[in-house]
C-alpha atoms as a PDB file:
ATOM      1  CA  MET A   1     122.090  93.641  92.750  1.00  0.00           C
ATOM      2  CA  PRO A   2     121.185  91.795  95.946  1.00  0.00           C
ATOM      3  CA  ASP A   3     119.384  88.491  96.219  1.00  0.00           C
ATOM      4  CA  TRP A   4     115.886  89.775  97.018  1.00  0.00           C
ATOM      5  CA  SER A   5     114.374  86.400  97.919  1.00  0.00           C
ATOM      6  CA  VAL A   6     114.347  86.962 101.695  1.00  0.00           C
ATOM      7  CA  TYR A   7     114.631  90.509 102.986  1.00  0.00           C
ATOM      8  CA  LEU A   8     114.777  90.999 106.767  1.00  0.00           C
ATOM      9  CA  VAL A   9     113.513  94.243 108.290  1.00  0.00           C
ATOM     10  CA  THR A  10     114.848  94.523 111.832  1.00  0.00           C
ATOM     11  CA  GLY A  11     112.844  95.239 114.967  1.00  0.00           C
ATOM     12  CA  GLU A  12     114.436  94.418 118.305  1.00  0.00           C
ATOM     13  CA  SER A  13     111.201  95.122 120.214  1.00  0.00           C
ATOM     14  CA  LEU A  14     109.572  92.385 118.086  1.00  0.00           C
ATOM     15  CA  SER A  15     112.360  89.848 118.565  1.00  0.00           C
ATOM     16  CA  ALA A  16     111.156  87.814 121.561  1.00  0.00           C
ATOM     17  CA  GLY A  17     113.833  89.140 123.906  1.00  0.00           C
ATOM     18  CA  ARG A  18     116.718  88.559 121.511  1.00  0.00           C
ATOM     19  CA  THR A  19     119.014  91.246 120.160  1.00  0.00           C
ATOM     20  CA  THR A  20     118.924  92.386 116.566  1.00  0.00           C
ATOM     21  CA  ARG A  21     122.507  91.233 116.252  1.00  0.00           C
ATOM     22  CA  GLU A  22     121.432  87.694 117.227  1.00  0.00           C
ATOM     23  CA  ILE A  23     118.496  87.758 114.809  1.00  0.00           C
ATOM     24  CA  VAL A  24     120.664  88.993 111.940  1.00  0.00           C
ATOM     25  CA  ALA A  25     123.301  86.339 112.618  1.00  0.00           C
ATOM     26  CA  ALA A  26     120.654  83.615 112.492  1.00  0.00           C
ATOM     27  CA  ALA A  27     119.039  85.063 109.369  1.00  0.00           C
ATOM     28  CA  ILE A  28     122.416  85.140 107.626  1.00  0.00           C
ATOM     29  CA  GLU A  29     122.856  81.465 108.468  1.00  0.00           C
ATOM     30  CA  GLY A  30     119.406  80.849 106.983  1.00  0.00           C
ATOM     31  CA  GLY A  31     120.257  82.549 103.700  1.00  0.00           C
ATOM     32  CA  VAL A  32     118.872  86.088 103.984  1.00  0.00           C
ATOM     33  CA  GLY A  33     119.809  88.338 101.063  1.00  0.00           C
ATOM     34  CA  VAL A  34     119.042  91.813 102.396  1.00  0.00           C
ATOM     35  CA  VAL A  35     118.907  93.291 105.905  1.00  0.00           C
ATOM     36  CA  GLN A  36     117.174  96.608 106.508  1.00  0.00           C
ATOM     37  CA  LEU A  37     117.880  98.506 109.730  1.00  0.00           C
ATOM     38  CA  ARG A  38     114.487  99.813 110.854  1.00  0.00           C
ATOM     39  CA  GLU A  39     114.250 100.009 114.692  1.00  0.00           C
ATOM     40  CA  LYS A  40     111.609 102.751 114.682  1.00  0.00           C
ATOM     41  CA  ASP A  41     111.469 102.942 118.486  1.00  0.00           C
ATOM     42  CA  ARG A  42     115.191 103.733 118.851  1.00  0.00           C
ATOM     43  CA  THR A  43     116.898 107.102 118.717  1.00  0.00           C
ATOM     44  CA  VAL A  44     119.043 107.953 115.721  1.00  0.00           C
ATOM     45  CA  ARG A  45     122.149 107.592 117.912  1.00  0.00           C
ATOM     46  CA  GLU A  46     121.040 104.126 119.006  1.00  0.00           C
ATOM     47  CA  ARG A  47     120.275 103.130 115.437  1.00  0.00           C
ATOM     48  CA  TYR A  48     123.688 104.340 114.392  1.00  0.00           C
ATOM     49  CA  GLU A  49     125.459 102.235 117.023  1.00  0.00           C
ATOM     50  CA  MET A  50     123.334  99.213 116.204  1.00  0.00           C
ATOM     51  CA  GLY A  51     123.817  99.816 112.493  1.00  0.00           C
ATOM     52  CA  ARG A  52     127.598  99.699 112.791  1.00  0.00           C
ATOM     53  CA  GLU A  53     127.360  96.155 114.169  1.00  0.00           C
ATOM     54  CA  ILE A  54     124.780  95.022 111.622  1.00  0.00           C
ATOM     55  CA  ARG A  55     126.730  96.524 108.729  1.00  0.00           C
ATOM     56  CA  ALA A  56     129.832  94.591 109.817  1.00  0.00           C
ATOM     57  CA  GLN A  57     127.847  91.347 109.988  1.00  0.00           C
ATOM     58  CA  CYS A  58     126.365  91.911 106.558  1.00  0.00           C
ATOM     59  CA  ARG A  59     129.649  92.916 104.950  1.00  0.00           C
ATOM     60  CA  GLU A  60     131.363  89.797 106.233  1.00  0.00           C
ATOM     61  CA  ALA A  61     128.569  87.620 104.864  1.00  0.00           C
ATOM     62  CA  GLY A  62     128.126  89.436 101.550  1.00  0.00           C
ATOM     63  CA  VAL A  63     124.566  90.442 102.433  1.00  0.00           C
ATOM     64  CA  ALA A  64     123.153  93.812 101.363  1.00  0.00           C
ATOM     65  CA  PHE A  65     122.603  96.292 104.205  1.00  0.00           C
ATOM     66  CA  VAL A  66     120.112  99.137 103.817  1.00  0.00           C
ATOM     67  CA  VAL A  67     118.671 101.715 106.187  1.00  0.00           C
ATOM     68  CA  ASN A  68     114.995 102.550 106.572  1.00  0.00           C
ATOM     69  CA  ASP A  69     113.951 106.147 105.829  1.00  0.00           C
ATOM     70  CA  ARG A  70     117.082 108.045 106.892  1.00  0.00           C
ATOM     71  CA  VAL A  71     119.442 109.013 104.090  1.00  0.00           C
ATOM     72  CA  ASP A  72     121.747 110.740 106.579  1.00  0.00           C
ATOM     73  CA  LEU A  73     122.021 107.562 108.637  1.00  0.00           C
ATOM     74  CA  ALA A  74     122.617 105.438 105.549  1.00  0.00           C
ATOM     75  CA  ARG A  75     125.410 107.768 104.551  1.00  0.00           C
ATOM     76  CA  ALA A  76     126.931 107.830 108.045  1.00  0.00           C
ATOM     77  CA  LEU A  77     126.916 104.032 108.180  1.00  0.00           C
ATOM     78  CA  ASP A  78     128.246 103.599 104.649  1.00  0.00           C
ATOM     79  CA  ALA A  79     125.237 101.396 104.020  1.00  0.00           C
ATOM     80  CA  ASP A  80     124.598  99.793 100.656  1.00  0.00           C
ATOM     81  CA  GLY A  81     121.451 101.842 100.336  1.00  0.00           C
ATOM     82  CA  VAL A  82     118.253 103.240 101.791  1.00  0.00           C
ATOM     83  CA  HIS A  83     114.561 102.380 101.707  1.00  0.00           C
ATOM     84  CA  LEU A  84     112.224 105.353 101.358  1.00  0.00           C
ATOM     85  CA  GLY A  85     108.565 105.923 102.148  1.00  0.00           C
ATOM     86  CA  ASP A  86     106.065 108.607 101.200  1.00  0.00           C
ATOM     87  CA  ASP A  87     107.294 111.038 103.858  1.00  0.00           C
ATOM     88  CA  ASP A  88     111.010 110.628 103.157  1.00  0.00           C
ATOM     89  CA  LEU A  89     113.334 112.390 100.741  1.00  0.00           C
ATOM     90  CA  PRO A  90     112.517 111.928  97.042  1.00  0.00           C
ATOM     91  CA  VAL A  91     114.427 109.207  95.224  1.00  0.00           C
ATOM     92  CA  PRO A  92     116.463 111.643  93.053  1.00  0.00           C
ATOM     93  CA  VAL A  93     117.614 113.564  96.131  1.00  0.00           C
ATOM     94  CA  ALA A  94     118.650 110.345  97.868  1.00  0.00           C
ATOM     95  CA  ARG A  95     120.513 109.349  94.713  1.00  0.00           C
ATOM     96  CA  GLU A  96     122.372 112.652  94.627  1.00  0.00           C
ATOM     97  CA  LEU A  97     123.394 112.275  98.277  1.00  0.00           C
ATOM     98  CA  LEU A  98     124.282 108.571  98.241  1.00  0.00           C
ATOM     99  CA  GLY A  99     125.696 108.183  94.761  1.00  0.00           C
ATOM    100  CA  ALA A 100     125.086 106.105  91.677  1.00  0.00           C
ATOM    101  CA  GLU A 101     126.066 102.804  93.297  1.00  0.00           C
ATOM    102  CA  ALA A 102     123.613 103.059  96.198  1.00  0.00           C
ATOM    103  CA  VAL A 103     120.617 100.719  96.255  1.00  0.00           C
ATOM    104  CA  ILE A 104     117.518 102.860  96.681  1.00  0.00           C
ATOM    105  CA  GLY A 105     114.147 101.311  97.426  1.00  0.00           C
ATOM    106  CA  ARG A 106     110.706 102.850  97.549  1.00  0.00           C
ATOM    107  CA  SER A 107     107.529 101.729  99.310  1.00  0.00           C
ATOM    108  CA  VAL A 108     104.477 101.685  97.027  1.00  0.00           C
ATOM    109  CA  SER A 109     100.976 100.285  97.074  1.00  0.00           C
ATOM    110  CA  THR A 110      99.596 101.283  93.674  1.00  0.00           C
ATOM    111  CA  VAL A 111     100.612 100.845  90.067  1.00  0.00           C
ATOM    112  CA  GLU A 112     100.794 104.619  89.611  1.00  0.00           C
ATOM    113  CA  ALA A 113     103.170 105.027  92.565  1.00  0.00           C
ATOM    114  CA  ALA A 114     105.276 102.108  91.337  1.00  0.00           C
ATOM    115  CA  GLU A 115     105.646 103.612  87.880  1.00  0.00           C
ATOM    116  CA  ALA A 116     106.529 106.996  89.364  1.00  0.00           C
ATOM    117  CA  ALA A 117     109.162 105.472  91.645  1.00  0.00           C
ATOM    118  CA  ALA A 118     110.704 103.512  88.784  1.00  0.00           C
ATOM    119  CA  ASP A 119     110.763 106.621  86.602  1.00  0.00           C
ATOM    120  CA  ALA A 120     112.436 108.541  89.455  1.00  0.00           C
ATOM    121  CA  GLY A 121     115.273 106.029  89.538  1.00  0.00           C
ATOM    122  CA  ALA A 122     114.380 103.606  92.331  1.00  0.00           C
ATOM    123  CA  ASP A 123     116.320 100.344  92.154  1.00  0.00           C
ATOM    124  CA  TYR A 124     113.594  98.221  93.736  1.00  0.00           C
ATOM    125  CA  LEU A 125     110.117  98.496  95.230  1.00  0.00           C
ATOM    126  CA  GLY A 126     108.588  97.325  98.474  1.00  0.00           C
ATOM    127  CA  VAL A 127     104.962  96.539  97.623  1.00  0.00           C
ATOM    128  CA  GLY A 128     102.361  96.377 100.332  1.00  0.00           C
ATOM    129  CA  THR A 129     101.040  95.892 102.683  1.00  0.00           C
ATOM    130  CA  VAL A 130     100.201  92.628 100.943  1.00  0.00           C
ATOM    131  CA  TYR A 131      98.326  91.170 103.900  1.00  0.00           C
ATOM    132  CA  ARG A 132      97.210  92.597 107.208  1.00  0.00           C
ATOM    133  CA  THR A 133     100.289  93.140 109.408  1.00  0.00           C
ATOM    134  CA  GLN A 134     100.778  93.568 113.156  1.00  0.00           C
ATOM    135  CA  SER A 135     104.138  95.347 112.935  1.00  0.00           C
ATOM    136  CA  LYS A 136     102.811  98.793 111.969  1.00  0.00           C
ATOM    137  CA  ASP A 137     100.602 101.040 114.062  1.00  0.00           C
ATOM    138  CA  ASP A 138      99.497 103.414 111.305  1.00  0.00           C
ATOM    139  CA  ILE A 139      97.468 101.002 109.182  1.00  0.00           C
ATOM    140  CA  PRO A 140      93.655 101.315 109.441  1.00  0.00           C
ATOM    141  CA  GLU A 141      91.932  98.338 111.030  1.00  0.00           C
ATOM    142  CA  ALA A 142      89.799  97.843 107.925  1.00  0.00           C
ATOM    143  CA  ASP A 143      92.878  97.594 105.662  1.00  0.00           C
ATOM    144  CA  HIS A 144      93.421  93.927 104.907  1.00  0.00           C
ATOM    145  CA  GLY A 145      96.216  94.536 102.411  1.00  0.00           C
ATOM    146  CA  VAL A 146      96.508  94.952  98.672  1.00  0.00           C
ATOM    147  CA  GLY A 147      96.821  91.217  98.071  1.00  0.00           C
ATOM    148  CA  PRO A 148      98.873  89.233  95.538  1.00  0.00           C
ATOM    149  CA  GLU A 149      96.704  90.682  92.773  1.00  0.00           C
ATOM    150  CA  ARG A 150      98.243  94.130  93.259  1.00  0.00           C
ATOM    151  CA  VAL A 151     101.704  92.575  93.318  1.00  0.00           C
ATOM    152  CA  ALA A 152     100.961  91.036  89.924  1.00  0.00           C
ATOM    153  CA  GLU A 153      99.704  94.345  88.523  1.00  0.00           C
ATOM    154  CA  ILE A 154     102.821  96.182  89.660  1.00  0.00           C
ATOM    155  CA  ALA A 155     105.127  93.417  88.438  1.00  0.00           C
ATOM    156  CA  ASP A 156     103.568  93.779  84.993  1.00  0.00           C
ATOM    157  CA  ALA A 157     103.944  97.561  85.046  1.00  0.00           C
ATOM    158  CA  VAL A 158     107.611  98.003  85.998  1.00  0.00           C
ATOM    159  CA  ASP A 159     110.934  96.404  85.103  1.00  0.00           C
ATOM    160  CA  ILE A 160     112.718  96.742  88.450  1.00  0.00           C
ATOM    161  CA  PRO A 161     112.759  94.163  91.262  1.00  0.00           C
ATOM    162  CA  LEU A 162     110.007  94.198  93.831  1.00  0.00           C
ATOM    163  CA  VAL A 163     109.501  92.582  97.200  1.00  0.00           C
ATOM    164  CA  GLY A 164     106.154  91.998  98.830  1.00  0.00           C
ATOM    165  CA  ILE A 165     105.856  93.210 102.417  1.00  0.00           C
ATOM    166  CA  GLY A 166     103.206  93.030 105.099  1.00  0.00           C
ATOM    167  CA  GLY A 167     101.776  90.000 106.845  1.00  0.00           C
ATOM    168  CA  ILE A 168     103.958  87.575 104.909  1.00  0.00           C
ATOM    169  CA  THR A 169     104.807  84.145 106.313  1.00  0.00           C
ATOM    170  CA  ALA A 170     106.299  80.946 104.929  1.00  0.00           C
ATOM    171  CA  GLU A 171     102.721  79.822 104.276  1.00  0.00           C
ATOM    172  CA  ASN A 172     101.847  82.679 101.915  1.00  0.00           C
ATOM    173  CA  ALA A 173     105.270  83.792 100.603  1.00  0.00           C
ATOM    174  CA  GLY A 174     104.980  81.405  97.674  1.00  0.00           C
ATOM    175  CA  GLU A 175     101.826  83.007  96.323  1.00  0.00           C
ATOM    176  CA  VAL A 176     103.438  86.445  96.564  1.00  0.00           C
ATOM    177  CA  ALA A 177     106.407  85.212  94.516  1.00  0.00           C
ATOM    178  CA  ALA A 178     104.092  83.423  92.092  1.00  0.00           C
ATOM    179  CA  ALA A 179     102.283  86.718  91.562  1.00  0.00           C
ATOM    180  CA  GLY A 180     105.506  88.373  90.381  1.00  0.00           C
ATOM    181  CA  ALA A 181     107.529  89.414  93.422  1.00  0.00           C
ATOM    182  CA  ASP A 182     111.275  88.814  93.387  1.00  0.00           C
ATOM    183  CA  GLY A 183     111.181  88.177  97.121  1.00  0.00           C
ATOM    184  CA  VAL A 184     109.478  88.932 100.409  1.00  0.00           C
ATOM    185  CA  ALA A 185     110.340  91.409 103.146  1.00  0.00           C
ATOM    186  CA  VAL A 186     109.416  90.393 106.665  1.00  0.00           C
ATOM    187  CA  ILE A 187     109.844  91.386 110.271  1.00  0.00           C
ATOM    188  CA  THR A 188     108.050  89.059 112.674  1.00  0.00           C
ATOM    189  CA  ALA A 189     108.104  85.982 110.436  1.00  0.00           C
ATOM    190  CA  ILE A 190     111.809  85.887 111.299  1.00  0.00           C
ATOM    191  CA  THR A 191     112.223  87.973 114.458  1.00  0.00           C
ATOM    192  CA  ARG A 192     109.527  86.175 116.462  1.00  0.00           C
ATOM    193  CA  ALA A 193     110.324  82.696 115.187  1.00  0.00           C
ATOM    194  CA  ASP A 194     111.609  80.113 117.652  1.00  0.00           C
ATOM    195  CA  ASP A 195     114.436  79.467 115.185  1.00  0.00           C
ATOM    196  CA  PRO A 196     115.025  82.590 113.050  1.00  0.00           C
ATOM    197  CA  GLY A 197     117.553  80.808 110.854  1.00  0.00           C
ATOM    198  CA  ALA A 198     115.151  78.000 110.012  1.00  0.00           C
ATOM    199  CA  ALA A 199     112.371  80.537 109.452  1.00  0.00           C
ATOM    200  CA  THR A 200     114.582  82.395 106.983  1.00  0.00           C
ATOM    201  CA  ALA A 201     115.348  79.181 105.121  1.00  0.00           C
ATOM    202  CA  SER A 202     111.637  78.264 104.992  1.00  0.00           C
ATOM    203  CA  LEU A 203     110.784  81.646 103.510  1.00  0.00           C
ATOM    204  CA  GLY A 204     113.502  81.207 100.903  1.00  0.00           C
ATOM    205  CA  GLU A 205     112.158  77.792  99.952  1.00  0.00           C
ATOM    206  CA  ALA A 206     108.624  79.161  99.640  1.00  0.00           C
ATOM    207  CA  VAL A 207     109.783  82.022  97.426  1.00  0.00           C
ATOM    208  CA  ALA A 208     111.767  79.653  95.221  1.00  0.00           C
ATOM    209  CA  GLU A 209     108.724  77.410  94.831  1.00  0.00           C
ATOM    210  CA  GLY A 210     106.557  80.416  93.976  1.00  0.00           C
ATOM    211  CA  LYS A 211     109.014  81.533  91.310  1.00  0.00           C
ATOM    212  CA  ARG A 212     109.035  78.038  89.810  1.00  0.00           C
ATOM    213  CA  GLU A 213     105.255  78.083  89.709  1.00  0.00           C
ATOM    214  CA  ARG A 214     105.311  81.473  88.007  1.00  0.00           C
ATOM    215  CA  THR A 215     107.762  80.489  85.286  1.00  0.00           C
ATOM    216  CA  SER A 216     106.061  77.187  84.588  1.00  0.00           C
ATOM    217  CA  GLY A 217     102.587  78.716  84.405  1.00  0.00           C
ATOM    218  CA  PRO A 218     100.739  80.067  81.368  1.00  0.00           C
ATOM    219  CA  SER A 219     101.963  83.646  81.923  1.00  0.00           C
ATOM    220  CA  GLN A 220     105.569  84.590  82.574  1.00  0.00           C
ATOM    221  CA  ARG A 221     106.939  87.845  83.893  1.00  0.00           C
END
């Protein structure tokens, strides 16, 4: 399984004028473990062309490469897996199409959804949004995120890896890991950083510190 500690979700329109290829290269230097091709504002053809480059970068570096939402695109790119949301294909269908070795993730925000995804065969969960995020347009203004408390509840309920996502920075990544997450998934904390490689490394350090805090505390996952 991948190193979940730092999970980059790509977004060229949120990359301060830099290409996704440049951001991914810097994140790899900084120690990223997973790269997800998202690029919601691009056509499928554009995502495919971009994905071919990103897949090559990830393969060379030994970093897991997954595709957001689109099982057909993941299959066309020979990606390591796919990350699914509520409106995407069910996990068992994605498994049938991509095979037993594919890494299949599922976005969840409740314990019930997490348990259902795990029972359906998901390999990992993206839990969130943990904090208020600026990278999604479909989140109500009043939604300030589920918080580390929900991360802890889900971590206690399932036995598969989970990454916290939504509004996460190097300043709060540690508390997400301390709550039970195996890592953090971010867009702008890396893509908008002056130095994406250093930002990736800082996130990794924060997650490692949070995990140390978790294992040395009174309760252990």
